[in-house]
PDB file of N, CA and C in Angstrom:
ATOM      1  N   UNK A   1      -7.020 -12.405 -20.561  1.00  0.00           N
ATOM      2  CA  UNK A   1      -6.559 -12.633 -19.172  1.00  0.00           C
ATOM      3  C   UNK A   1      -7.152 -11.587 -18.258  1.00  0.00           C
ATOM      4  N   UNK A   2      -7.813 -11.939 -17.201  1.00  0.00           N
ATOM      5  CA  UNK A   2      -8.339 -11.055 -16.219  1.00  0.00           C
ATOM      6  C   UNK A   2      -7.408 -10.905 -15.027  1.00  0.00           C
ATOM      7  N   UNK A   3      -6.913  -9.740 -14.833  1.00  0.00           N
ATOM      8  CA  UNK A   3      -6.101  -9.506 -13.643  1.00  0.00           C
ATOM      9  C   UNK A   3      -6.948  -9.084 -12.461  1.00  0.00           C
ATOM     10  N   UNK A   4      -6.432  -9.371 -11.301  1.00  0.00           N
ATOM     11  CA  UNK A   4      -7.089  -9.095 -10.003  1.00  0.00           C
ATOM     12  C   UNK A   4      -6.315  -8.068  -9.260  1.00  0.00           C
ATOM     13  N   UNK A   5      -6.410  -6.755  -9.591  1.00  0.00           N
ATOM     14  CA  UNK A   5      -5.576  -5.739  -8.912  1.00  0.00           C
ATOM     15  C   UNK A   5      -5.768  -5.702  -7.454  1.00  0.00           C
ATOM     16  N   UNK A   6      -6.966  -5.956  -6.933  1.00  0.00           N
ATOM     17  CA  UNK A   6      -7.169  -5.863  -5.503  1.00  0.00           C
ATOM     18  C   UNK A   6      -6.374  -6.870  -4.755  1.00  0.00           C
ATOM     19  N   UNK A   7      -6.225  -8.103  -5.359  1.00  0.00           N
ATOM     20  CA  UNK A   7      -5.427  -9.120  -4.724  1.00  0.00           C
ATOM     21  C   UNK A   7      -3.897  -8.691  -4.642  1.00  0.00           C
ATOM     22  N   UNK A   8      -3.422  -8.156  -5.736  1.00  0.00           N
ATOM     23  CA  UNK A   8      -2.014  -7.702  -5.736  1.00  0.00           C
ATOM     24  C   UNK A   8      -1.782  -6.555  -4.843  1.00  0.00           C
ATOM     25  N   UNK A   9      -2.741  -5.618  -4.781  1.00  0.00           N
ATOM     26  CA  UNK A   9      -2.627  -4.403  -4.021  1.00  0.00           C
ATOM     27  C   UNK A   9      -2.834  -4.600  -2.506  1.00  0.00           C
ATOM     28  N   UNK A  10      -3.248  -5.845  -2.107  1.00  0.00           N
ATOM     29  CA  UNK A  10      -3.439  -6.155  -0.742  1.00  0.00           C
ATOM     30  C   UNK A  10      -2.550  -7.347  -0.298  1.00  0.00           C
ATOM     31  N   UNK A  11      -1.388  -7.490  -1.010  1.00  0.00           N
ATOM     32  CA  UNK A  11      -0.543  -8.610  -0.786  1.00  0.00           C
ATOM     33  C   UNK A  11       0.392  -8.288   0.407  1.00  0.00           C
ATOM     34  N   UNK A  12       0.305  -9.111   1.502  1.00  0.00           N
ATOM     35  CA  UNK A  12       1.153  -8.891   2.665  1.00  0.00           C
ATOM     36  C   UNK A  12       2.633  -9.002   2.366  1.00  0.00           C
ATOM     37  N   UNK A  13       3.015  -9.622   1.332  1.00  0.00           N
ATOM     38  CA  UNK A  13       4.448  -9.718   0.917  1.00  0.00           C
ATOM     39  C   UNK A  13       4.954  -8.418   0.372  1.00  0.00           C
ATOM     40  N   UNK A  14       4.025  -7.522  -0.055  1.00  0.00           N
ATOM     41  CA  UNK A  14       4.390  -6.235  -0.617  1.00  0.00           C
ATOM     42  C   UNK A  14       4.134  -5.049   0.353  1.00  0.00           C
ATOM     43  N   UNK A  15       2.981  -5.165   1.084  1.00  0.00           N
ATOM     44  CA  UNK A  15       2.524  -4.171   1.968  1.00  0.00           C
ATOM     45  C   UNK A  15       2.422  -4.639   3.415  1.00  0.00           C
ATOM     46  N   UNK A  16       3.019  -3.840   4.307  1.00  0.00           N
ATOM     47  CA  UNK A  16       2.847  -4.196   5.782  1.00  0.00           C
ATOM     48  C   UNK A  16       1.408  -3.816   6.067  1.00  0.00           C
ATOM     49  N   UNK A  17       0.673  -4.716   6.741  1.00  0.00           N
ATOM     50  CA  UNK A  17      -0.738  -4.484   7.112  1.00  0.00           C
ATOM     51  C   UNK A  17      -1.503  -3.951   5.926  1.00  0.00           C
ATOM     52  N   UNK A  18      -1.652  -4.733   4.890  1.00  0.00           N
ATOM     53  CA  UNK A  18      -2.295  -4.276   3.678  1.00  0.00           C
ATOM     54  C   UNK A  18      -3.758  -3.819   3.841  1.00  0.00           C
ATOM     55  N   UNK A  19      -4.449  -4.358   4.872  1.00  0.00           N
ATOM     56  CA  UNK A  19      -5.833  -3.983   4.981  1.00  0.00           C
ATOM     57  C   UNK A  19      -6.059  -2.687   5.859  1.00  0.00           C
ATOM     58  N   UNK A  20      -4.962  -2.100   6.345  1.00  0.00           N
ATOM     59  CA  UNK A  20      -5.081  -0.901   7.141  1.00  0.00           C
ATOM     60  C   UNK A  20      -4.835   0.280   6.243  1.00  0.00           C
ATOM     61  N   UNK A  21      -5.718   1.264   6.315  1.00  0.00           N
ATOM     62  CA  UNK A  21      -5.549   2.536   5.577  1.00  0.00           C
ATOM     63  C   UNK A  21      -4.435   3.338   6.215  1.00  0.00           C
ATOM     64  N   UNK A  22      -3.307   3.467   5.521  1.00  0.00           N
ATOM     65  CA  UNK A  22      -2.143   4.187   5.959  1.00  0.00           C
ATOM     66  C   UNK A  22      -1.454   4.834   4.882  1.00  0.00           C
ATOM     67  N   UNK A  23      -1.852   6.035   4.441  1.00  0.00           N
ATOM     68  CA  UNK A  23      -1.205   6.766   3.332  1.00  0.00           C
ATOM     69  C   UNK A  23       0.293   7.063   3.640  1.00  0.00           C
ATOM     70  N   UNK A  24       0.717   7.078   4.838  1.00  0.00           N
ATOM     71  CA  UNK A  24       2.076   7.324   5.237  1.00  0.00           C
ATOM     72  C   UNK A  24       3.064   6.244   4.719  1.00  0.00           C
ATOM     73  N   UNK A  25       2.502   5.080   4.397  1.00  0.00           N
ATOM     74  CA  UNK A  25       3.367   4.002   3.899  1.00  0.00           C
ATOM     75  C   UNK A  25       3.980   4.363   2.579  1.00  0.00           C
ATOM     76  N   UNK A  26       3.487   5.337   1.812  1.00  0.00           N
ATOM     77  CA  UNK A  26       4.009   5.683   0.552  1.00  0.00           C
ATOM     78  C   UNK A  26       5.001   6.862   0.640  1.00  0.00           C
ATOM     79  N   UNK A  27       5.365   7.292   1.848  1.00  0.00           N
ATOM     80  CA  UNK A  27       6.216   8.469   2.017  1.00  0.00           C
ATOM     81  C   UNK A  27       7.474   8.036   2.805  1.00  0.00           C
ATOM     82  N   UNK A  28       8.453   8.973   2.888  1.00  0.00           N
ATOM     83  CA  UNK A  28       9.630   8.652   3.654  1.00  0.00           C
ATOM     84  C   UNK A  28      10.776   8.090   2.835  1.00  0.00           C
ATOM     85  N   UNK A  29      11.799   7.726   3.598  1.00  0.00           N
ATOM     86  CA  UNK A  29      12.986   7.275   2.867  1.00  0.00           C
ATOM     87  C   UNK A  29      12.863   5.840   2.247  1.00  0.00           C
ATOM     88  N   UNK A  30      11.928   4.944   2.760  1.00  0.00           N
ATOM     89  CA  UNK A  30      11.740   3.639   2.265  1.00  0.00           C
ATOM     90  C   UNK A  30      10.220   3.412   1.998  1.00  0.00           C
ATOM     91  N   UNK A  31       9.639   4.192   1.035  1.00  0.00           N
ATOM     92  CA  UNK A  31       8.140   4.023   0.771  1.00  0.00           C
ATOM     93  C   UNK A  31       7.856   2.660   0.140  1.00  0.00           C
ATOM     94  N   UNK A  32       6.723   2.135   0.510  1.00  0.00           N
ATOM     95  CA  UNK A  32       6.167   0.972  -0.110  1.00  0.00           C
ATOM     96  C   UNK A  32       5.733   1.240  -1.573  1.00  0.00           C
ATOM     97  N   UNK A  33       5.595   0.272  -2.407  1.00  0.00           N
ATOM     98  CA  UNK A  33       5.245   0.491  -3.798  1.00  0.00           C
ATOM     99  C   UNK A  33       3.844   1.213  -3.844  1.00  0.00           C
ATOM    100  N   UNK A  34       3.862   2.336  -4.578  1.00  0.00           N
ATOM    101  CA  UNK A  34       2.582   3.061  -4.729  1.00  0.00           C
ATOM    102  C   UNK A  34       1.670   2.257  -5.664  1.00  0.00           C
ATOM    103  N   UNK A  35       0.354   2.145  -5.296  1.00  0.00           N
ATOM    104  CA  UNK A  35      -0.574   1.396  -6.099  1.00  0.00           C
ATOM    105  C   UNK A  35      -0.672   1.829  -7.582  1.00  0.00           C
ATOM    106  N   UNK A  36      -0.482   3.132  -7.894  1.00  0.00           N
ATOM    107  CA  UNK A  36      -0.563   3.602  -9.261  1.00  0.00           C
ATOM    108  C   UNK A  36       0.533   3.006 -10.115  1.00  0.00           C
ATOM    109  N   UNK A  37       1.581   2.559  -9.553  1.00  0.00           N
ATOM    110  CA  UNK A  37       2.724   1.966 -10.316  1.00  0.00           C
ATOM    111  C   UNK A  37       2.269   0.671 -10.841  1.00  0.00           C
ATOM    112  N   UNK A  38       1.210  -0.009 -10.277  1.00  0.00           N
ATOM    113  CA  UNK A  38       0.800  -1.273 -10.746  1.00  0.00           C
ATOM    114  C   UNK A  38      -0.686  -1.237 -11.279  1.00  0.00           C
ATOM    115  N   UNK A  39      -1.468  -0.439 -10.668  1.00  0.00           N
ATOM    116  CA  UNK A  39      -2.926  -0.547 -10.906  1.00  0.00           C
ATOM    117  C   UNK A  39      -3.300  -0.257 -12.430  1.00  0.00           C
ATOM    118  N   UNK A  40      -2.560   0.635 -13.024  1.00  0.00           N
ATOM    119  CA  UNK A  40      -2.885   1.009 -14.417  1.00  0.00           C
ATOM    120  C   UNK A  40      -1.984   0.244 -15.414  1.00  0.00           C
ATOM    121  N   UNK A  41      -1.404  -0.823 -14.917  1.00  0.00           N
ATOM    122  CA  UNK A  41      -0.592  -1.737 -15.704  1.00  0.00           C
ATOM    123  C   UNK A  41       0.771  -1.077 -15.936  1.00  0.00           C
ATOM    124  N   UNK A  42       1.585  -1.668 -16.780  1.00  0.00           N
ATOM    125  CA  UNK A  42       2.957  -1.178 -16.977  1.00  0.00           C
ATOM    126  C   UNK A  42       3.450  -1.634 -18.317  1.00  0.00           C
ATOM    127  N   UNK A  43       4.631  -1.080 -18.671  1.00  0.00           N
ATOM    128  CA  UNK A  43       5.208  -1.417 -19.925  1.00  0.00           C
ATOM    129  C   UNK A  43       4.361  -1.040 -21.166  1.00  0.00           C
ATOM    130  N   UNK A  44       4.297  -1.947 -22.104  1.00  0.00           N
ATOM    131  CA  UNK A  44       3.565  -1.657 -23.334  1.00  0.00           C
ATOM    132  C   UNK A  44       2.090  -1.744 -23.135  1.00  0.00           C
ATOM    133  N   UNK A  45       1.632  -2.300 -22.075  1.00  0.00           N
ATOM    134  CA  UNK A  45       0.172  -2.372 -21.779  1.00  0.00           C
ATOM    135  C   UNK A  45      -0.324  -1.321 -20.839  1.00  0.00           C
ATOM    136  N   UNK A  46       0.424  -0.284 -20.627  1.00  0.00           N
ATOM    137  CA  UNK A  46       0.000   0.770 -19.752  1.00  0.00           C
ATOM    138  C   UNK A  46      -1.295   1.439 -20.279  1.00  0.00           C
ATOM    139  N   UNK A  47      -2.204   1.778 -19.394  1.00  0.00           N
ATOM    140  CA  UNK A  47      -3.496   2.387 -19.791  1.00  0.00           C
ATOM    141  C   UNK A  47      -3.205   3.811 -20.357  1.00  0.00           C
ATOM    142  N   UNK A  48      -3.647   4.143 -21.534  1.00  0.00           N
ATOM    143  CA  UNK A  48      -3.425   5.463 -22.040  1.00  0.00           C
ATOM    144  C   UNK A  48      -4.292   6.522 -21.276  1.00  0.00           C
ATOM    145  N   UNK A  49      -5.254   6.098 -20.561  1.00  0.00           N
ATOM    146  CA  UNK A  49      -6.059   7.025 -19.787  1.00  0.00           C
ATOM    147  C   UNK A  49      -5.762   7.232 -18.383  1.00  0.00           C
ATOM    148  N   UNK A  50      -4.539   6.711 -17.985  1.00  0.00           N
ATOM    149  CA  UNK A  50      -4.085   6.832 -16.617  1.00  0.00           C
ATOM    150  C   UNK A  50      -4.176   8.243 -16.050  1.00  0.00           C
ATOM    151  N   UNK A  51      -3.580   9.194 -16.735  1.00  0.00           N
ATOM    152  CA  UNK A  51      -3.552  10.522 -16.182  1.00  0.00           C
ATOM    153  C   UNK A  51      -4.904  11.187 -16.220  1.00  0.00           C
ATOM    154  N   UNK A  52      -5.720  10.874 -17.200  1.00  0.00           N
ATOM    155  CA  UNK A  52      -7.090  11.463 -17.244  1.00  0.00           C
ATOM    156  C   UNK A  52      -7.904  10.883 -16.091  1.00  0.00           C
ATOM    157  N   UNK A  53      -7.801   9.557 -15.823  1.00  0.00           N
ATOM    158  CA  UNK A  53      -8.505   8.962 -14.698  1.00  0.00           C
ATOM    159  C   UNK A  53      -8.114   9.540 -13.368  1.00  0.00           C
ATOM    160  N   UNK A  54      -6.789   9.670 -13.159  1.00  0.00           N
ATOM    161  CA  UNK A  54      -6.279  10.244 -11.936  1.00  0.00           C
ATOM    162  C   UNK A  54      -6.731  11.608 -11.698  1.00  0.00           C
ATOM    163  N   UNK A  55      -6.610  12.507 -12.685  1.00  0.00           N
ATOM    164  CA  UNK A  55      -7.061  13.884 -12.576  1.00  0.00           C
ATOM    165  C   UNK A  55      -8.537  14.026 -12.396  1.00  0.00           C
ATOM    166  N   UNK A  56      -9.349  13.203 -13.100  1.00  0.00           N
ATOM    167  CA  UNK A  56     -10.790  13.254 -12.978  1.00  0.00           C
ATOM    168  C   UNK A  56     -11.238  12.888 -11.604  1.00  0.00           C
ATOM    169  N   UNK A  57     -10.713  11.857 -10.987  1.00  0.00           N
ATOM    170  CA  UNK A  57     -11.065  11.504  -9.642  1.00  0.00           C
ATOM    171  C   UNK A  57     -10.622  12.620  -8.692  1.00  0.00           C
ATOM    172  N   UNK A  58      -9.407  13.161  -8.880  1.00  0.00           N
ATOM    173  CA  UNK A  58      -8.966  14.247  -8.015  1.00  0.00           C
ATOM    174  C   UNK A  58      -9.869  15.387  -8.043  1.00  0.00           C
ATOM    175  N   UNK A  59     -10.269  15.879  -9.253  1.00  0.00           N
ATOM    176  CA  UNK A  59     -11.122  17.006  -9.321  1.00  0.00           C
ATOM    177  C   UNK A  59     -12.469  16.779  -8.685  1.00  0.00           C
ATOM    178  N   UNK A  60     -13.050  15.581  -8.920  1.00  0.00           N
ATOM    179  CA  UNK A  60     -14.375  15.362  -8.412  1.00  0.00           C
ATOM    180  C   UNK A  60     -14.408  15.179  -6.822  1.00  0.00           C
ATOM    181  N   UNK A  61     -13.318  14.596  -6.280  1.00  0.00           N
ATOM    182  CA  UNK A  61     -13.233  14.538  -4.826  1.00  0.00           C
ATOM    183  C   UNK A  61     -12.993  15.909  -4.233  1.00  0.00           C
ATOM    184  N   UNK A  62     -12.084  16.712  -4.893  1.00  0.00           N
ATOM    185  CA  UNK A  62     -11.865  18.056  -4.393  1.00  0.00           C
ATOM    186  C   UNK A  62     -13.126  18.889  -4.396  1.00  0.00           C
ATOM    187  N   UNK A  63     -13.917  18.829  -5.505  1.00  0.00           N
ATOM    188  CA  UNK A  63     -15.114  19.619  -5.550  1.00  0.00           C
ATOM    189  C   UNK A  63     -16.095  19.147  -4.497  1.00  0.00           C
ATOM    190  N   UNK A  64     -16.190  17.853  -4.293  1.00  0.00           N
ATOM    191  CA  UNK A  64     -17.113  17.283  -3.271  1.00  0.00           C
ATOM    192  C   UNK A  64     -16.725  17.827  -1.855  1.00  0.00           C
ATOM    193  N   UNK A  65     -15.422  17.714  -1.594  1.00  0.00           N
ATOM    194  CA  UNK A  65     -14.940  18.148  -0.266  1.00  0.00           C
ATOM    195  C   UNK A  65     -15.160  19.688  -0.083  1.00  0.00           C
ATOM    196  N   UNK A  66     -14.958  20.440  -1.208  1.00  0.00           N
ATOM    197  CA  UNK A  66     -15.118  21.899  -1.115  1.00  0.00           C
ATOM    198  C   UNK A  66     -16.589  22.257  -0.869  1.00  0.00           C
ATOM    199  N   UNK A  67     -17.537  21.500  -1.417  1.00  0.00           N
ATOM    200  CA  UNK A  67     -18.908  21.882  -1.397  1.00  0.00           C
ATOM    201  C   UNK A  67     -19.674  21.205  -0.202  1.00  0.00           C
ATOM    202  N   UNK A  68     -19.224  20.070   0.314  1.00  0.00           N
ATOM    203  CA  UNK A  68     -20.006  19.418   1.329  1.00  0.00           C
ATOM    204  C   UNK A  68     -19.132  18.987   2.489  1.00  0.00           C
ATOM    205  N   UNK A  69     -19.769  18.988   3.641  1.00  0.00           N
ATOM    206  CA  UNK A  69     -19.197  18.406   4.888  1.00  0.00           C
ATOM    207  C   UNK A  69     -19.747  17.057   5.122  1.00  0.00           C
ATOM    208  N   UNK A  70     -18.915  16.024   5.139  1.00  0.00           N
ATOM    209  CA  UNK A  70     -19.350  14.616   5.355  1.00  0.00           C
ATOM    210  C   UNK A  70     -18.905  14.257   6.698  1.00  0.00           C
ATOM    211  N   UNK A  71     -19.850  13.737   7.524  1.00  0.00           N
ATOM    212  CA  UNK A  71     -19.469  13.339   8.869  1.00  0.00           C
ATOM    213  C   UNK A  71     -20.290  12.055   9.255  1.00  0.00           C
ATOM    214  N   UNK A  72     -19.757  11.317  10.280  1.00  0.00           N
ATOM    215  CA  UNK A  72     -20.558  10.144  10.715  1.00  0.00           C
ATOM    216  C   UNK A  72     -21.892  10.446  11.259  1.00  0.00           C
ATOM    217  N   UNK A  73     -22.834   9.611  11.085  1.00  0.00           N
ATOM    218  CA  UNK A  73     -24.197   9.722  11.629  1.00  0.00           C
ATOM    219  C   UNK A  73     -24.046   9.365  13.170  1.00  0.00           C
ATOM    220  N   UNK A  74     -24.764  10.061  13.979  1.00  0.00           N
ATOM    221  CA  UNK A  74     -24.785   9.834  15.387  1.00  0.00           C
ATOM    222  C   UNK A  74     -25.810   8.761  15.757  1.00  0.00           C
ATOM    223  N   UNK A  75     -25.402   7.688  16.425  1.00  0.00           N
ATOM    224  CA  UNK A  75     -26.289   6.560  16.754  1.00  0.00           C
ATOM    225  C   UNK A  75     -27.181   6.919  17.934  1.00  0.00           C
ATOM    226  N   UNK A  76     -28.161   6.052  18.233  1.00  0.00           N
ATOM    227  CA  UNK A  76     -29.058   6.250  19.358  1.00  0.00           C
ATOM    228  C   UNK A  76     -28.341   6.397  20.729  1.00  0.00           C
ATOM    229  N   UNK A  77     -27.098   5.806  20.811  1.00  0.00           N
ATOM    230  CA  UNK A  77     -26.365   5.903  22.034  1.00  0.00           C
ATOM    231  C   UNK A  77     -25.548   7.228  22.192  1.00  0.00           C
ATOM    232  N   UNK A  78     -25.676   8.079  21.135  1.00  0.00           N
ATOM    233  CA  UNK A  78     -24.985   9.348  21.126  1.00  0.00           C
ATOM    234  C   UNK A  78     -23.603   9.253  20.577  1.00  0.00           C
ATOM    235  N   UNK A  79     -23.168   8.058  20.161  1.00  0.00           N
ATOM    236  CA  UNK A  79     -21.855   7.901  19.587  1.00  0.00           C
ATOM    237  C   UNK A  79     -21.881   7.912  18.055  1.00  0.00           C
ATOM    238  N   UNK A  80     -20.739   8.322  17.400  1.00  0.00           N
ATOM    239  CA  UNK A  80     -20.761   8.300  15.942  1.00  0.00           C
ATOM    240  C   UNK A  80     -20.794   6.843  15.452  1.00  0.00           C
ATOM    241  N   UNK A  81     -21.471   6.627  14.396  1.00  0.00           N
ATOM    242  CA  UNK A  81     -21.480   5.336  13.688  1.00  0.00           C
ATOM    243  C   UNK A  81     -20.405   5.343  12.703  1.00  0.00           C
ATOM    244  N   UNK A  82     -19.290   4.627  12.888  1.00  0.00           N
ATOM    245  CA  UNK A  82     -18.184   4.644  11.990  1.00  0.00           C
ATOM    246  C   UNK A  82     -18.438   3.566  10.903  1.00  0.00           C
ATOM    247  N   UNK A  83     -18.445   3.976   9.617  1.00  0.00           N
ATOM    248  CA  UNK A  83     -18.655   2.918   8.520  1.00  0.00           C
ATOM    249  C   UNK A  83     -17.593   1.870   8.549  1.00  0.00           C
ATOM    250  N   UNK A  84     -17.985   0.625   8.175  1.00  0.00           N
ATOM    251  CA  UNK A  84     -16.998  -0.423   8.018  1.00  0.00           C
ATOM    252  C   UNK A  84     -16.193  -0.232   6.732  1.00  0.00           C
ATOM    253  N   UNK A  85     -15.040  -0.868   6.676  1.00  0.00           N
ATOM    254  CA  UNK A  85     -14.134  -0.737   5.539  1.00  0.00           C
ATOM    255  C   UNK A  85     -14.355  -1.849   4.534  1.00  0.00           C
ATOM    256  N   UNK A  86     -15.463  -2.585   4.720  1.00  0.00           N
ATOM    257  CA  UNK A  86     -15.772  -3.725   3.896  1.00  0.00           C
ATOM    258  C   UNK A  86     -16.254  -3.217   2.480  1.00  0.00           C
ATOM    259  N   UNK A  87     -15.925  -4.073   1.510  1.00  0.00           N
ATOM    260  CA  UNK A  87     -16.371  -3.730   0.109  1.00  0.00           C
ATOM    261  C   UNK A  87     -17.189  -4.857  -0.497  1.00  0.00           C
ATOM    262  N   UNK A  88     -17.905  -4.476  -1.561  1.00  0.00           N
ATOM    263  CA  UNK A  88     -18.624  -5.481  -2.395  1.00  0.00           C
ATOM    264  C   UNK A  88     -18.065  -5.344  -3.793  1.00  0.00           C
ATOM    265  N   UNK A  89     -18.331  -6.399  -4.541  1.00  0.00           N
ATOM    266  CA  UNK A  89     -17.828  -6.382  -5.957  1.00  0.00           C
ATOM    267  C   UNK A  89     -16.529  -7.110  -6.027  1.00  0.00           C
ATOM    268  N   UNK A  90     -16.146  -7.414  -7.205  1.00  0.00           N
ATOM    269  CA  UNK A  90     -14.931  -8.184  -7.420  1.00  0.00           C
ATOM    270  C   UNK A  90     -13.940  -7.403  -8.325  1.00  0.00           C
ATOM    271  N   UNK A  91     -14.183  -7.275  -9.520  1.00  0.00           N
ATOM    272  CA  UNK A  91     -13.290  -6.541 -10.420  1.00  0.00           C
ATOM    273  C   UNK A  91     -13.356  -4.994 -10.085  1.00  0.00           C
ATOM    274  N   UNK A  92     -14.526  -4.509  -9.871  1.00  0.00           N
ATOM    275  CA  UNK A  92     -14.675  -3.101  -9.486  1.00  0.00           C
ATOM    276  C   UNK A  92     -15.198  -3.127  -8.023  1.00  0.00           C
ATOM    277  N   UNK A  93     -14.454  -2.917  -7.029  1.00  0.00           N
ATOM    278  CA  UNK A  93     -14.838  -2.941  -5.678  1.00  0.00           C
ATOM    279  C   UNK A  93     -15.459  -1.578  -5.237  1.00  0.00           C
ATOM    280  N   UNK A  94     -16.401  -1.556  -4.410  1.00  0.00           N
ATOM    281  CA  UNK A  94     -17.020  -0.334  -3.911  1.00  0.00           C
ATOM    282  C   UNK A  94     -17.348  -0.582  -2.418  1.00  0.00           C
ATOM    283  N   UNK A  95     -17.447   0.460  -1.644  1.00  0.00           N
ATOM    284  CA  UNK A  95     -17.827   0.200  -0.276  1.00  0.00           C
ATOM    285  C   UNK A  95     -19.206  -0.298  -0.074  1.00  0.00           C
ATOM    286  N   UNK A  96     -19.412  -1.108   1.001  1.00  0.00           N
ATOM    287  CA  UNK A  96     -20.802  -1.566   1.249  1.00  0.00           C
ATOM    288  C   UNK A  96     -21.594  -0.318   1.661  1.00  0.00           C
ATOM    289  N   UNK A  97     -22.924  -0.340   1.449  1.00  0.00           N
ATOM    290  CA  UNK A  97     -23.735   0.849   1.828  1.00  0.00           C
ATOM    291  C   UNK A  97     -23.513   1.202   3.337  1.00  0.00           C
ATOM    292  N   UNK A  98     -23.480   2.503   3.518  1.00  0.00           N
ATOM    293  CA  UNK A  98     -23.329   2.998   4.902  1.00  0.00           C
ATOM    294  C   UNK A  98     -24.085   4.300   5.071  1.00  0.00           C
ATOM    295  N   UNK A  99     -24.300   4.638   6.289  1.00  0.00           N
ATOM    296  CA  UNK A  99     -24.998   5.965   6.622  1.00  0.00           C
ATOM    297  C   UNK A  99     -23.992   7.017   6.992  1.00  0.00           C
ATOM    298  N   UNK A 100     -24.274   8.219   6.555  1.00  0.00           N
ATOM    299  CA  UNK A 100     -23.463   9.378   7.006  1.00  0.00           C
ATOM    300  C   UNK A 100     -24.244  10.655   6.834  1.00  0.00           C
ATOM    301  N   UNK A 101     -23.805  11.722   7.351  1.00  0.00           N
ATOM    302  CA  UNK A 101     -24.376  13.030   7.214  1.00  0.00           C
ATOM    303  C   UNK A 101     -23.638  13.800   6.105  1.00  0.00           C
ATOM    304  N   UNK A 102     -24.293  14.342   5.165  1.00  0.00           N
ATOM    305  CA  UNK A 102     -23.789  15.159   4.090  1.00  0.00           C
ATOM    306  C   UNK A 102     -24.522  16.503   4.150  1.00  0.00           C
ATOM    307  N   UNK A 103     -23.755  17.595   4.510  1.00  0.00           N
ATOM    308  CA  UNK A 103     -24.367  18.914   4.592  1.00  0.00           C
ATOM    309  C   UNK A 103     -23.610  19.856   3.727  1.00  0.00           C
ATOM    310  N   UNK A 104     -24.314  20.760   3.045  1.00  0.00           N
ATOM    311  CA  UNK A 104     -23.655  21.789   2.257  1.00  0.00           C
ATOM    312  C   UNK A 104     -22.817  22.716   3.104  1.00  0.00           C
ATOM    313  N   UNK A 105     -21.664  23.087   2.608  1.00  0.00           N
ATOM    314  CA  UNK A 105     -20.764  24.031   3.424  1.00  0.00           C
ATOM    315  C   UNK A 105     -21.263  25.445   3.377  1.00  0.00           C
ATOM    316  N   UNK A 106     -21.959  25.814   2.261  1.00  0.00           N
ATOM    317  CA  UNK A 106     -22.553  27.152   2.200  1.00  0.00           C
ATOM    318  C   UNK A 106     -24.035  26.982   1.667  1.00  0.00           C
ATOM    319  N   UNK A 107     -24.817  28.063   1.936  1.00  0.00           N
ATOM    320  CA  UNK A 107     -26.236  28.015   1.546  1.00  0.00           C
ATOM    321  C   UNK A 107     -26.456  27.889  -0.010  1.00  0.00           C
ATOM    322  N   UNK A 108     -25.569  28.356  -0.807  1.00  0.00           N
ATOM    323  CA  UNK A 108     -25.808  28.330  -2.240  1.00  0.00           C
ATOM    324  C   UNK A 108     -25.514  26.998  -2.907  1.00  0.00           C
ATOM    325  N   UNK A 109     -24.899  26.077  -2.213  1.00  0.00           N
ATOM    326  CA  UNK A 109     -24.551  24.770  -2.807  1.00  0.00           C
ATOM    327  C   UNK A 109     -25.766  23.963  -3.290  1.00  0.00           C
ATOM    328  N   UNK A 110     -26.804  23.865  -2.528  1.00  0.00           N
ATOM    329  CA  UNK A 110     -27.979  23.110  -3.000  1.00  0.00           C
ATOM    330  C   UNK A 110     -28.585  23.642  -4.312  1.00  0.00           C
ATOM    331  N   UNK A 111     -28.526  24.996  -4.497  1.00  0.00           N
ATOM    332  CA  UNK A 111     -29.054  25.576  -5.688  1.00  0.00           C
ATOM    333  C   UNK A 111     -28.103  25.203  -6.865  1.00  0.00           C
ATOM    334  N   UNK A 112     -26.857  25.235  -6.690  1.00  0.00           N
ATOM    335  CA  UNK A 112     -25.917  24.860  -7.765  1.00  0.00           C
ATOM    336  C   UNK A 112     -26.146  23.365  -8.203  1.00  0.00           C
ATOM    337  N   UNK A 113     -26.279  22.564  -7.202  1.00  0.00           N
ATOM    338  CA  UNK A 113     -26.555  21.131  -7.518  1.00  0.00           C
ATOM    339  C   UNK A 113     -27.847  20.942  -8.231  1.00  0.00           C
ATOM    340  N   UNK A 114     -28.947  21.654  -7.764  1.00  0.00           N
ATOM    341  CA  UNK A 114     -30.217  21.512  -8.459  1.00  0.00           C
ATOM    342  C   UNK A 114     -30.185  22.018  -9.918  1.00  0.00           C
ATOM    343  N   UNK A 115     -29.501  23.090 -10.122  1.00  0.00           N
ATOM    344  CA  UNK A 115     -29.338  23.656 -11.475  1.00  0.00           C
ATOM    345  C   UNK A 115     -28.596  22.663 -12.401  1.00  0.00           C
ATOM    346  N   UNK A 116     -27.554  22.107 -11.823  1.00  0.00           N
ATOM    347  CA  UNK A 116     -26.777  21.116 -12.667  1.00  0.00           C
ATOM    348  C   UNK A 116     -27.613  19.903 -12.935  1.00  0.00           C
ATOM    349  N   UNK A 117     -28.372  19.347 -11.952  1.00  0.00           N
ATOM    350  CA  UNK A 117     -29.151  18.184 -12.224  1.00  0.00           C
ATOM    351  C   UNK A 117     -30.285  18.488 -13.188  1.00  0.00           C
ATOM    352  N   UNK A 118     -30.811  19.733 -13.176  1.00  0.00           N
ATOM    353  CA  UNK A 118     -31.907  20.048 -14.119  1.00  0.00           C
ATOM    354  C   UNK A 118     -31.437  20.136 -15.521  1.00  0.00           C
ATOM    355  N   UNK A 119     -30.174  20.312 -15.825  1.00  0.00           N
ATOM    356  CA  UNK A 119     -29.642  20.463 -17.149  1.00  0.00           C
ATOM    357  C   UNK A 119     -28.809  19.307 -17.651  1.00  0.00           C
ATOM    358  N   UNK A 120     -28.585  18.234 -16.763  1.00  0.00           N
ATOM    359  CA  UNK A 120     -27.783  17.149 -17.163  1.00  0.00           C
ATOM    360  C   UNK A 120     -28.530  15.908 -16.763  1.00  0.00           C
ATOM    361  N   UNK A 121     -28.207  14.760 -17.507  1.00  0.00           N
ATOM    362  CA  UNK A 121     -28.794  13.501 -17.215  1.00  0.00           C
ATOM    363  C   UNK A 121     -28.194  13.006 -15.835  1.00  0.00           C
ATOM    364  N   UNK A 122     -29.088  12.617 -14.941  1.00  0.00           N
ATOM    365  CA  UNK A 122     -28.572  12.202 -13.606  1.00  0.00           C
ATOM    366  C   UNK A 122     -28.347  10.690 -13.647  1.00  0.00           C
TER     367      UNK A 122
END
């Protein structure tokens, strides 16, 4: 049986304005159901790698934010080009390709990245 988590996690019966990015919906006295409660399944079928997946994503995002400044690209009209929130894929969704500026926060970051790529399979 193939589940469709994206369909369930964007259900208007569960989430008010499900297509709007609003992390505040999970806070306060009456929070909406947090996606992690459903996404990694439940009961006897819960994914044994839930915590590893969660921590791995957290560490990689934190390291990326610590090392790089990501900002919108400036268009020819001088205004930022804001990426769309559209995705591609079905079972594994990912954002559609978009342009942005990625700059190292300190001068030694490019050297660290180059050393890592030289010693690991990219």
